[in-house]
Protein backbone atom coordinates (compact mmCIF):
# COMPACT_ATOMS: atom_id res chain seq x y z
CA UNK A 1 -52.79 -23.91 -10.89
CA UNK A 2 -50.85 -20.83 -10.17
CA UNK A 3 -47.74 -22.68 -10.72
CA UNK A 4 -49.04 -23.85 -14.00
CA UNK A 5 -49.72 -20.42 -15.24
CA UNK A 6 -46.40 -19.06 -13.88
CA UNK A 7 -44.56 -21.80 -15.94
CA UNK A 8 -46.68 -21.03 -18.99
CA UNK A 9 -45.98 -17.22 -18.64
CA UNK A 10 -42.26 -18.00 -18.10
CA UNK A 11 -42.07 -20.14 -21.55
CA UNK A 12 -44.00 -17.23 -23.35
CA UNK A 13 -41.68 -14.82 -22.02
CA UNK A 14 -38.63 -16.83 -22.75
CA UNK A 15 -39.72 -17.34 -26.45
CA UNK A 16 -39.89 -13.52 -27.07
CA UNK A 17 -37.04 -12.67 -25.24
CA UNK A 18 -33.91 -11.51 -26.81
CA UNK A 19 -31.52 -13.91 -28.24
CA UNK A 20 -28.93 -12.78 -25.71
CA UNK A 21 -31.46 -13.81 -22.93
CA UNK A 22 -32.57 -16.88 -24.55
CA UNK A 23 -28.94 -18.15 -25.02
CA UNK A 24 -27.92 -17.72 -21.29
CA UNK A 25 -26.26 -20.80 -20.09
CA UNK A 26 -28.16 -23.28 -17.69
CA UNK A 27 -25.03 -24.68 -16.17
CA UNK A 28 -21.57 -23.95 -15.50
CA UNK A 29 -20.28 -26.16 -18.32
CA UNK A 30 -22.31 -24.06 -20.81
CA UNK A 31 -20.52 -20.97 -19.70
CA UNK A 32 -18.24 -19.54 -22.38
CA UNK A 33 -15.05 -18.00 -21.06
CA UNK A 34 -14.26 -17.20 -17.43
CA UNK A 35 -12.39 -20.58 -17.10
CA UNK A 36 -10.31 -19.23 -14.22
CA UNK A 37 -13.83 -18.88 -12.32
CA UNK A 38 -15.72 -21.89 -13.44
CA UNK A 39 -12.98 -24.81 -13.68
CA UNK A 40 -13.26 -27.49 -11.15
CA UNK A 41 -11.54 -26.81 -7.98
CA UNK A 42 -12.00 -22.97 -8.04
CA UNK A 43 -13.54 -21.16 -4.99
CA UNK A 44 -16.51 -20.19 -7.17
CA UNK A 45 -16.99 -23.78 -8.48
CA UNK A 46 -16.86 -25.32 -5.07
CA UNK A 47 -19.46 -22.92 -3.77
CA UNK A 48 -22.04 -23.97 -6.43
CA UNK A 49 -21.13 -27.64 -6.37
CA UNK A 50 -21.57 -27.81 -2.62
CA UNK A 51 -24.70 -25.45 -2.76
CA UNK A 52 -23.11 -23.28 -0.04
CA UNK A 53 -24.35 -19.95 1.07
CA UNK A 54 -22.88 -17.26 -0.72
CA UNK A 55 -22.53 -13.44 -1.42
CA UNK A 56 -20.60 -12.59 -4.50
CA UNK A 57 -19.52 -9.23 -6.16
CA UNK A 58 -18.87 -9.78 -9.96
CA UNK A 59 -16.44 -7.32 -11.36
CA UNK A 60 -15.72 -6.96 -15.13
CA UNK A 61 -16.42 -5.34 -18.47
CA UNK A 62 -19.88 -5.17 -20.00
CA UNK A 63 -21.05 -8.49 -21.74
CA UNK A 64 -18.76 -10.73 -20.07
CA UNK A 65 -21.19 -12.83 -18.21
CA UNK A 66 -22.05 -11.42 -14.85
CA UNK A 67 -25.68 -11.54 -15.11
CA UNK A 68 -25.18 -15.16 -16.73
CA UNK A 69 -23.24 -16.29 -13.65
CA UNK A 70 -25.84 -15.12 -11.50
CA UNK A 71 -28.59 -16.85 -13.46
CA UNK A 72 -26.45 -19.97 -13.50
CA UNK A 73 -26.05 -19.86 -9.70
CA UNK A 74 -29.89 -19.82 -9.15
CA UNK A 75 -30.46 -22.51 -12.02
CA UNK A 76 -27.91 -24.92 -10.41
CA UNK A 77 -28.74 -24.43 -6.88
CA UNK A 78 -32.40 -24.21 -7.63
CA UNK A 79 -33.00 -21.02 -5.92
CA UNK A 80 -35.29 -18.27 -6.73
CA UNK A 81 -33.81 -15.54 -8.99
CA UNK A 82 -34.92 -11.82 -8.37
CA UNK A 83 -33.05 -9.13 -10.35
CA UNK A 84 -32.88 -5.48 -9.56
CA UNK A 85 -31.00 -2.65 -11.57
CA UNK A 86 -29.52 -0.02 -9.26
CA UNK A 87 -30.26 2.58 -12.17
CA UNK A 88 -33.99 2.26 -11.31
CA UNK A 89 -34.37 0.57 -8.05
CA UNK A 90 -34.27 2.34 -4.58
CA UNK A 91 -34.15 1.34 -0.81
CA UNK A 92 -37.96 0.39 -1.26
CA UNK A 93 -37.40 -1.97 -3.98
CA UNK A 94 -34.47 -3.63 -2.16
CA UNK A 95 -36.51 -4.06 1.10
CA UNK A 96 -39.33 -5.43 -0.82
CA UNK A 97 -37.29 -7.90 -2.41
CA UNK A 98 -35.67 -8.93 0.74
CA UNK A 99 -38.94 -9.17 2.55
CA UNK A 100 -40.31 -11.45 -0.47
CA UNK A 101 -37.09 -13.57 -0.05
CA UNK A 102 -37.61 -13.99 3.76
CA UNK A 103 -41.27 -15.26 3.17
CA UNK A 104 -40.23 -17.80 0.46
CA UNK A 105 -37.31 -18.95 2.79
CA UNK A 106 -39.73 -19.41 5.73
CA UNK A 107 -42.45 -21.13 3.70
CA UNK A 108 -40.66 -23.36 1.62
CA UNK A 109 -36.97 -23.06 2.82
CA UNK A 110 -36.03 -22.02 -0.72
CA UNK A 111 -33.37 -19.48 -0.79
CA UNK A 112 -33.37 -16.53 -3.27
CA UNK A 113 -30.55 -15.11 -5.56
CA UNK A 114 -30.98 -11.37 -5.27
CA UNK A 115 -29.11 -10.02 -8.24
CA UNK A 116 -28.25 -6.34 -8.09
CA UNK A 117 -26.94 -5.25 -11.54
CA UNK A 118 -24.68 -1.74 -11.54
CA UNK A 119 -24.56 -2.20 -7.80
CA UNK A 120 -21.81 0.58 -7.81
CA UNK A 121 -24.76 3.06 -8.77
CA UNK A 122 -26.35 2.29 -5.38
CA UNK A 123 -25.49 5.13 -2.84
CA UNK A 124 -23.95 4.07 0.52
CA UNK A 125 -27.62 4.29 2.15
CA UNK A 126 -28.79 1.99 -0.65
CA UNK A 127 -26.00 -0.53 -0.32
CA UNK A 128 -26.11 -0.52 3.67
CA UNK A 129 -29.70 -1.56 3.32
CA UNK A 130 -28.34 -4.73 1.85
CA UNK A 131 -26.21 -5.73 4.86
CA UNK A 132 -28.88 -7.20 7.15
CA UNK A 133 -29.91 -9.51 4.32
CA UNK A 134 -26.58 -10.53 3.53
CA UNK A 135 -25.32 -10.97 7.10
CA UNK A 136 -28.38 -13.11 8.04
CA UNK A 137 -28.32 -15.03 4.80
CA UNK A 138 -31.78 -14.10 4.03
CA UNK A 139 -30.76 -13.89 0.45
CA UNK A 140 -27.76 -14.92 -1.69
CA UNK A 141 -26.54 -11.50 -2.67
CA UNK A 142 -24.92 -11.07 -6.15
CA UNK A 143 -23.83 -7.74 -7.15
CA UNK A 144 -22.38 -6.86 -10.65
CA UNK A 145 -20.21 -3.95 -11.28
CA UNK A 146 -18.19 -2.48 -14.09
CA UNK A 147 -16.27 -0.30 -11.78
CA UNK A 148 -13.42 -1.02 -9.32
CA UNK A 149 -15.33 -2.43 -6.28
CA UNK A 150 -12.67 -1.25 -4.02
CA UNK A 151 -13.96 2.45 -4.61
CA UNK A 152 -17.52 1.84 -5.65
CA UNK A 153 -18.86 -0.75 -3.03
CA UNK A 154 -19.08 -0.11 0.66
CA UNK A 155 -16.38 -1.89 2.67
CA UNK A 156 -18.97 -3.73 5.02
CA UNK A 157 -20.78 -5.30 1.80
CA UNK A 158 -17.46 -6.11 0.02
CA UNK A 159 -15.91 -7.75 2.90
CA UNK A 160 -18.88 -10.18 3.43
CA UNK A 161 -18.82 -11.11 -0.24
CA UNK A 162 -16.38 -13.06 -2.57
CA UNK A 163 -14.83 -10.81 -5.10
CA UNK A 164 -14.74 -12.43 -8.57
CA UNK A 165 -12.99 -10.64 -11.64
CA UNK A 166 -14.42 -11.49 -15.11
CA UNK A 167 -12.44 -10.93 -18.21
CA UNK A 168 -13.35 -9.75 -21.51
CA UNK A 169 -14.00 -12.78 -23.92
CA UNK A 170 -11.71 -13.69 -26.63
CA UNK A 171 -12.34 -14.15 -30.28
CA UNK A 172 -12.37 -18.05 -29.77
CA UNK A 173 -15.03 -17.22 -27.15
CA UNK A 174 -17.11 -15.03 -29.32
CA UNK A 175 -16.85 -17.37 -32.12
CA UNK A 176 -18.27 -20.38 -30.03
CA UNK A 177 -21.00 -18.08 -28.67
CA UNK A 178 -22.16 -17.03 -32.21
CA UNK A 179 -21.83 -20.54 -33.63
CA UNK A 180 -23.74 -22.11 -30.63
CA UNK A 181 -26.54 -19.45 -31.10
CA UNK A 182 -26.91 -20.07 -34.96
CA UNK A 183 -27.32 -23.80 -34.33
CA UNK A 184 -29.26 -24.04 -31.23
CA UNK A 185 -32.85 -25.28 -32.42
CA UNK A 186 -34.34 -24.69 -28.86
CA UNK A 187 -33.10 -21.21 -27.75
CA UNK A 188 -31.23 -19.89 -30.73
CA UNK A 189 -31.66 -19.36 -34.44
CA UNK A 190 -31.85 -23.09 -35.07
CA UNK A 191 -30.28 -22.79 -38.41
CA UNK A 192 -32.72 -20.51 -39.76
CA UNK A 193 -29.76 -18.36 -40.95
CA UNK A 194 -26.19 -18.99 -42.17
CA UNK A 195 -23.39 -16.58 -41.73
CA UNK A 196 -20.30 -16.20 -44.12
CA UNK A 197 -16.94 -16.56 -42.74
CA UNK A 198 -15.91 -13.10 -43.43
CA UNK A 199 -19.30 -11.97 -41.75
CA UNK A 200 -18.50 -13.90 -38.72
CA UNK A 201 -14.84 -12.57 -38.46
CA UNK A 202 -16.40 -9.00 -38.70
CA UNK A 203 -19.03 -9.65 -35.93
CA UNK A 204 -16.21 -11.03 -33.77
CA UNK A 205 -14.52 -7.71 -34.12
CA UNK A 206 -17.35 -5.52 -33.83
CA UNK A 207 -18.17 -7.41 -30.54
CA UNK A 208 -14.90 -6.32 -28.83
CA UNK A 209 -15.12 -9.16 -26.46
CA UNK A 210 -18.51 -8.35 -25.46
CA UNK A 211 -20.98 -11.52 -25.72
CA UNK A 212 -24.09 -9.86 -25.27
CA UNK A 213 -23.32 -7.17 -28.14
CA UNK A 214 -22.10 -10.07 -30.41
CA UNK A 215 -25.57 -11.98 -29.74
CA UNK A 216 -27.70 -8.67 -30.15
CA UNK A 217 -25.86 -7.97 -33.66
CA UNK A 218 -26.31 -11.56 -34.80
CA UNK A 219 -29.95 -11.26 -33.96
CA UNK A 220 -30.53 -8.05 -35.74
CA UNK A 221 -28.50 -9.37 -38.78
CA UNK A 222 -30.75 -12.60 -39.16
CA UNK A 223 -33.91 -10.92 -39.35
CA UNK A 224 -35.73 -11.66 -42.57
CA UNK A 225 -32.38 -13.37 -44.34
CA UNK A 226 -31.19 -16.93 -44.78
CA UNK A 227 -27.80 -15.72 -45.17
CA UNK A 228 -25.64 -13.11 -43.31
CA UNK A 229 -22.97 -11.37 -45.35
CA UNK A 230 -20.76 -8.59 -44.22
CA UNK A 231 -23.17 -6.36 -46.22
CA UNK A 232 -26.12 -7.61 -44.22
CA UNK A 233 -24.25 -7.45 -41.05
CA UNK A 234 -23.15 -3.83 -41.69
CA UNK A 235 -26.62 -2.89 -42.48
CA UNK A 236 -27.90 -4.41 -39.38
CA UNK A 237 -25.86 -2.90 -36.95
CA UNK A 238 -25.55 0.66 -38.54
CA UNK A 239 -21.84 0.26 -38.62
CA UNK A 240 -19.33 0.88 -41.67
CA UNK A 241 -17.49 -2.40 -42.19
CA UNK A 242 -13.92 -1.34 -42.22
CA UNK A 243 -12.14 -4.23 -43.49
CA UNK A 244 -8.98 -4.84 -41.27
CA UNK A 245 -8.04 -7.96 -39.40
CA UNK A 246 -7.32 -7.13 -35.75
CA UNK A 247 -4.44 -9.75 -35.84
CA UNK A 248 -3.34 -9.13 -39.23
CA UNK A 249 -1.00 -6.59 -41.20
CA UNK A 250 -3.88 -3.99 -41.82
CA UNK A 251 -4.36 -3.90 -38.08
CA UNK A 252 -0.85 -2.87 -37.51
CA UNK A 253 -0.76 -0.65 -40.64
CA UNK A 254 -3.69 1.48 -39.39
CA UNK A 255 -2.13 1.73 -35.92
CA UNK A 256 1.04 2.56 -37.36
CA UNK A 257 -0.41 5.53 -39.63
CA UNK A 258 -2.22 6.67 -36.71
CA UNK A 259 0.76 6.96 -34.53
CA UNK A 260 3.02 8.65 -37.26
CA UNK A 261 0.11 11.03 -38.29
CA UNK A 262 0.12 12.32 -34.68
CA UNK A 263 3.77 12.55 -34.52
CA UNK A 264 3.68 14.35 -37.76
CA UNK A 265 1.22 16.92 -36.68
CA UNK A 266 -1.36 16.07 -39.16
CA UNK A 267 -4.68 16.33 -37.06
CA UNK A 268 -6.92 15.52 -40.02
CA UNK A 269 -5.05 12.08 -40.93
CA UNK A 270 -5.10 11.21 -37.40
CA UNK A 271 -8.78 11.78 -37.06
CA UNK A 272 -9.23 9.72 -40.17
CA UNK A 273 -7.43 6.69 -38.64
CA UNK A 274 -9.32 7.11 -35.39
CA UNK A 275 -12.75 7.00 -37.27
CA UNK A 276 -11.47 3.76 -39.01
CA UNK A 277 -10.23 2.07 -35.69
CA UNK A 278 -13.74 3.05 -34.14
CA UNK A 279 -15.88 1.89 -36.96
CA UNK A 280 -13.83 -1.31 -37.23
CA UNK A 281 -14.63 -2.14 -33.50
CA UNK A 282 -11.16 -1.34 -32.13
CA UNK A 283 -11.15 -1.37 -28.32
CA UNK A 284 -11.64 2.31 -27.31
CA UNK A 285 -9.44 1.59 -24.30
CA UNK A 286 -6.71 0.67 -26.63
CA UNK A 287 -6.82 3.68 -28.63
CA UNK A 288 -6.87 5.80 -25.28
CA UNK A 289 -3.75 3.93 -23.99
CA UNK A 290 -1.89 4.88 -27.35
CA UNK A 291 -2.83 8.54 -26.83
CA UNK A 292 -1.52 8.62 -23.25
CA UNK A 293 1.83 7.09 -24.50
CA UNK A 294 2.10 9.70 -27.33
CA UNK A 295 1.36 12.48 -25.27
CA UNK A 296 4.70 11.84 -23.35
CA UNK A 297 6.66 10.18 -25.97
CA UNK A 298 6.14 12.64 -28.98
CA UNK A 299 4.96 15.98 -27.03
CA UNK A 300 6.26 15.72 -23.59
CA UNK A 301 7.44 18.94 -22.08
CA UNK A 302 6.72 21.03 -25.17
CA UNK A 303 3.24 20.85 -23.88
CA UNK A 304 2.60 18.98 -20.64
CA UNK A 305 -1.27 19.50 -20.79
CA UNK A 306 -1.27 17.12 -23.88
CA UNK A 307 -0.91 14.41 -21.14
CA UNK A 308 -3.83 15.61 -18.99
CA UNK A 309 -5.95 15.74 -21.94
CA UNK A 310 -5.09 12.00 -23.10
CA UNK A 311 -5.56 10.69 -19.41
CA UNK A 312 -8.95 12.64 -19.32
CA UNK A 313 -9.91 11.16 -22.52
CA UNK A 314 -9.02 7.46 -21.14
CA UNK A 315 -11.17 8.22 -18.01
CA UNK A 316 -14.12 9.34 -20.34
CA UNK A 317 -13.83 5.92 -22.10
CA UNK A 318 -14.23 4.14 -18.97
CA UNK A 319 -16.90 6.29 -17.50
CA UNK A 320 -18.99 7.13 -20.78
CA UNK A 321 -18.23 4.45 -23.20
CA UNK A 322 -18.61 4.44 -26.80
CA UNK A 323 -20.21 5.91 -28.85
CA UNK A 324 -20.11 9.15 -26.93
CA UNK A 325 -16.38 8.69 -26.08
CA UNK A 326 -15.47 9.07 -29.54
CA UNK A 327 -15.67 12.84 -29.05
CA UNK A 328 -13.21 12.78 -26.05
CA UNK A 329 -10.99 10.64 -28.07
CA UNK A 330 -11.16 12.98 -30.75
CA UNK A 331 -10.37 16.01 -28.56
CA UNK A 332 -7.21 14.25 -27.25
CA UNK A 333 -6.23 13.38 -31.07
CA UNK A 334 -6.56 17.05 -32.04
CA UNK A 335 -4.65 18.35 -28.98
CA UNK A 336 -1.57 15.64 -29.27
CA UNK A 337 -1.36 16.37 -33.26
CA UNK A 338 -1.32 20.04 -33.02
CA UNK A 339 0.68 20.37 -29.86
CA UNK A 340 4.52 21.28 -30.62
CA UNK A 341 6.55 17.99 -30.60
CA UNK A 342 9.45 16.93 -28.47
CA UNK A 343 10.85 13.52 -27.81
CA UNK A 344 13.36 14.74 -25.13
CA UNK A 345 11.38 12.86 -22.17
CA UNK A 346 11.99 9.60 -24.09
CA UNK A 347 15.54 10.41 -24.65
CA UNK A 348 16.17 11.53 -20.91
CA UNK A 349 14.82 8.25 -19.38
CA UNK A 350 16.35 6.24 -22.01
CA UNK A 351 19.85 7.57 -21.36
CA UNK A 352 19.24 7.10 -17.68
CA UNK A 353 18.37 3.58 -17.84
CA UNK A 354 21.35 2.89 -20.28
CA UNK A 355 23.62 4.19 -17.58
CA UNK A 356 21.98 1.94 -15.07
CA UNK A 357 22.14 -1.06 -17.12
CA UNK A 358 25.96 -0.52 -17.83
CA UNK A 359 26.72 -0.62 -14.22
CA UNK A 360 26.91 3.29 -13.60
CA UNK A 361 25.08 3.04 -10.16
CA UNK A 362 27.19 4.37 -7.22
CA UNK A 363 26.45 4.82 -3.69
CA UNK A 364 23.96 7.48 -2.59
CA UNK A 365 25.80 10.50 -1.22
CA UNK A 366 26.06 10.36 2.51
CA UNK A 367 24.38 13.75 3.04
CA UNK A 368 21.21 12.52 1.09
CA UNK A 369 20.78 9.25 3.14
CA UNK A 370 18.17 8.65 5.59
CA UNK A 371 19.05 10.23 8.81
CA UNK A 372 15.82 9.50 10.92
CA UNK A 373 16.60 6.33 12.57
CA UNK A 374 18.78 6.01 15.93
CA UNK A 375 22.45 6.19 15.02
CA UNK A 376 22.34 7.40 11.63
CA UNK A 377 23.88 10.65 12.29
CA UNK A 378 26.84 8.84 14.13
CA UNK A 379 27.93 7.27 10.78
CA UNK A 380 27.51 10.53 9.01
CA UNK A 381 24.09 10.05 7.31
CA UNK A 382 22.50 13.47 6.39
CA UNK A 383 25.62 15.42 7.48
CA UNK A 384 26.09 18.41 5.43
CA UNK A 385 22.79 18.52 3.75
CA UNK A 386 21.51 21.84 2.95
CA UNK A 387 17.69 22.32 2.90
CA UNK A 388 16.98 24.18 -0.41
CA UNK A 389 14.04 26.10 1.23
CA UNK A 390 16.57 27.73 3.54
CA UNK A 391 18.09 29.65 0.64
CA UNK A 392 16.13 32.77 -1.13
CA UNK A 393 16.28 30.87 -4.51
CA UNK A 394 15.37 27.36 -3.34
CA UNK A 395 18.23 25.70 -4.82
CA UNK A 396 21.46 24.57 -3.26
CA UNK A 397 24.81 23.86 -4.93
CA UNK A 398 25.20 20.28 -3.60
CA UNK A 399 25.65 17.01 -5.25
CA UNK A 400 22.36 14.65 -5.40
CA UNK A 401 23.72 12.01 -8.04
CA UNK A 402 25.99 9.22 -7.28
CA UNK A 403 29.75 9.89 -8.23
CA UNK A 404 29.32 7.48 -11.20
CA UNK A 405 26.82 9.75 -12.98
CA UNK A 406 27.59 13.20 -11.24
CA UNK A 407 27.36 15.81 -13.87
CA UNK A 408 25.47 13.56 -16.42
CA UNK A 409 22.81 15.52 -18.34
CA UNK A 410 20.13 13.29 -19.46
CA UNK A 411 17.70 16.00 -20.39
CA UNK A 412 18.17 17.84 -23.66
CA UNK A 413 15.30 20.21 -24.00
CA UNK A 414 14.09 21.37 -27.22
CA UNK A 415 13.06 25.07 -28.05
CA UNK A 416 9.56 23.91 -29.19
CA UNK A 417 6.57 25.36 -27.27
CA UNK A 418 6.61 25.49 -23.57
CA UNK A 419 9.75 23.38 -23.44
CA UNK A 420 11.81 26.36 -24.37
CA UNK A 421 10.99 27.92 -21.01
CA UNK A 422 11.56 24.67 -18.98
CA UNK A 423 14.81 24.46 -20.90
CA UNK A 424 15.92 27.87 -19.87
CA UNK A 425 14.93 27.02 -16.23
CA UNK A 426 16.73 23.81 -16.59
CA UNK A 427 19.95 25.50 -17.73
CA UNK A 428 19.88 27.97 -14.97
CA UNK A 429 19.25 25.28 -12.16
CA UNK A 430 21.97 23.10 -13.35
CA UNK A 431 24.39 26.14 -13.24
CA UNK A 432 23.37 26.71 -9.66
CA UNK A 433 23.67 23.06 -8.55
CA UNK A 434 27.09 22.70 -10.16
CA UNK A 435 28.29 25.89 -8.52
CA UNK A 436 28.62 27.94 -11.65
CA UNK A 437 26.46 30.65 -10.39
CA UNK A 438 26.48 32.48 -7.20
CA UNK A 439 24.03 31.15 -4.56
CA UNK A 440 23.30 33.98 -2.36
CA UNK A 441 20.64 36.47 -3.77
CA UNK A 442 20.56 34.82 -7.15
CA UNK A 443 17.14 35.27 -8.65
CA UNK A 444 17.59 34.03 -12.21
CA UNK A 445 15.90 30.59 -11.41
CA UNK A 446 12.86 32.41 -10.31
CA UNK A 447 12.88 34.71 -13.28
CA UNK A 448 12.98 31.84 -15.67
CA UNK A 449 10.38 29.78 -14.13
CA UNK A 450 6.67 30.27 -15.14
CA UNK A 451 4.98 32.52 -12.46
CA UNK A 452 2.83 29.65 -11.01
CA UNK A 453 5.74 27.72 -10.32
CA UNK A 454 7.20 29.96 -7.67
CA UNK A 455 5.46 29.03 -4.39
CA UNK A 456 5.74 31.09 -1.20
CA UNK A 457 8.24 29.66 1.18
CA UNK A 458 7.59 29.33 4.68
CA UNK A 459 9.59 28.08 7.74
CA UNK A 460 11.04 24.79 7.27
CA UNK A 461 10.55 21.98 9.62
CA UNK A 462 13.21 19.86 11.20
CA UNK A 463 11.81 16.98 9.67
CA UNK A 464 11.92 18.31 6.06
CA UNK A 465 15.62 19.48 6.82
CA UNK A 466 16.73 16.02 8.10
CA UNK A 467 14.46 13.74 6.47
CA UNK A 468 14.61 11.55 3.27
């Protein structure tokens, strides 16, 4: 009798569940995307097909199907499914779930899938509490994380689990998912609403590879309307529909205008294009990567802190996500746009690579070669090398580059921003390196350097003097 009430309760809960939950696949063949994991012959597929004991860590962006795969495992293998969220659960909850799993295993022989969402949020102590259950196979542990498990999951737990990396869904995956949800009469919308082609394309862009987001937006747009247009979709998701195709000309035009506005120091225009990309559903990680590139490509040594800001914004995108991360992206945009500009770094590495490709390689000078291994000194390796820290100014007039490129000056600093100071220092250092200034007692290099670049010099170790 209890089982009948349980089944009725489950059916009622399923009918009122969000569309993203109702549309969860019930078999591996229904899973959209992740073919590298679910295809016949893959390690994961073999575990499922053979109903083998397992412990899994699923790593991937939000909405890629981590919870779905855990649910499918329980459905296909007919195991109980228990879900905990590391955001709200503690050690007590974990132990209670494990105890319940052991009771079911002892009474019915039925295994339990213990799914821990956002397992990276568990402390070391909380993760350690899972180890006995995993080691003794009291549960089939499946942990989901959006962060690199090598840094967020304790080694004992990770070493006992198969790590599976999930990828963002591509546009065709999202299109198939939405089309299935529109047509499915049992779990989906069952033809209650149709969707215009341009609205579908807009939804695909707004989803950004996140299947759960796509179904959530679809469900919101389908409320009370038989036809979903772009306007209906826009109002449903409270997001302006900025019309540009991610694979079309307007996509590249907006990106190009964004980059050129940064390079041209127009912060307001750059912010406009940033807003357009965000509102159009552009991947925030893509925007962050472009900012990192241009912090060095267009600013470089004129303001080295621009790169720090861009990297920090990219980290904020990963840790915080949109919509909050738009603030960090905007800060990086303003910093890069207003910073003094220099492409000297790009030209420097380009010149060096051009010489290497042209065959200007040359042997490493003998005095710079590794002198650590036995017999190295007998063949002259390291002979004549002067340890820079032994001199007052910390710079030695000796050759570092191979003969083929000795004297080449790849870096041509501008006089913009901080690069003026670096350029002065660069010129003085080159003069010393090439013997154009006296070495003993010279203080020009120290005077030219920013104050925090001159570090106290202690006694040099033999390893430093003779090493690589």
